[in-house]
Amino acid sequence: MKALRLTAWGEAPASVEIERPVPHGAEVLVRVEAAGLCRSDLHVIDAPPGALPYRLPFTLGHEIAGQVTALGPDADGVAAGDRVVVYGPWGCGSCARCAAGSGNYCDRRDTLAWHGAGLGRDGGMAEYLLVPSARQLVPIGDLPADQAAPLSDAGLTSYHAVSGLRPALGEGTTAVVIGVGGLGHLAVQILRATTESRVLAVDVREDALALADRSGAHFSTLMRPDTARALRARSGDVGADAVLDFVGTAQTLELAVGVLRPGGELAVVGSGGGSLTVAKPGVLPAGFRLSLPFWGTRHELAGVVTLARSGALRVETECLPLSAAPEAIDRLRRGAARGRTVLVPN
């Protein structure tokens, strides 16, 4: 079968022919219908030798939807023909958090040579994917594959970040989304569908603001020197109850802190290299609370799928054949991708 594999650190991934895997034990073989392309893939591709614990080679792709085609003799919970989305953060599989469906916070994460599908283990940028257990699969019914695949990271990570803030987002509150890309536009929709908060959006691109508006933002604005003041004005001059930063640079973190009200909550999702200095007293709002959400739980993935199937959540996608992966990677690197890029096996 064809697969896009990382074969050497510092080099572009290669399209190669490898053997189609055969499921053993509790494993499940999934025929891939769609695989999302994520900035996390760029972090892996660009990583210098030794920066990640992963052993080469492996197939890229951690946002995956497809159809079950074969099962190992000990597999249960799914049947051949079932359409599924793959829960990507594969942990050790045996700690309490993995057993509870929270592989994203596996207790043994720092000792593993992988972080999930396409992250040290073979992923979904291939014609078939071998999944270690049916526990990593969530049914999608008739949801289109290009809509389902991005839910497993872009949708799930956004949903998980919003879930941690939801108690603070009742009637009359304000939430700010910084960065309206593959994750941010879904966060806007999730906030609208699951909270009563007024949703404000910020980006540096006009087309991203148009995407925010299509996603349901009550107000969107370009990032400028006076953006914090403009956002505070939209919150009744008290500041935002919560900010979700999907960029994570020094500039966006400064904006986030500048717009938060006392007791406000900040979820930093983006990995843009920025940092905050925690000091008391200091510039952070009194009562400030910070979270660093990573991916999400299997139960939350089922919730994301339910939202998408209800029509409350729609991913803005750009579909390309798997053979066009180099072009897709280049477009993502240049910031030219719109919404979420999805690769479809040829």
Foldseek 3Di string as FASTA:
>chain_A
DWFFKDADAPDGTDTDDDDQDDAAAQKWKWFWFWFWDDVVLVCRNHPHPPPALADDIAGAGQQTKGFTQDGHPNHDDDDGGFTWTFQWQAAPCPDPCNVVQNSLPHPCRVVDSAGGDRGNHHHDLGRMDMGPHCSRIDTQPPPDGQFRRLCNFLVQLLLALCVVCQVLAAALAAEEEEDQAQNRLQNLLNCVVRYNHQYEYEYQDPVSQVSNVVSPHPYYDYDDPCVLVVLCVVSVVQFHQEYEYQAAAQVVVVSRQSRHHALHEYEYAHDNPHDDDDDVPDSGHHNYYYHDGDRHGPVSSNVSSVCVVVVSGGFDEDEDESVCVVVVVVCVVVVNGHHIYMYGHD
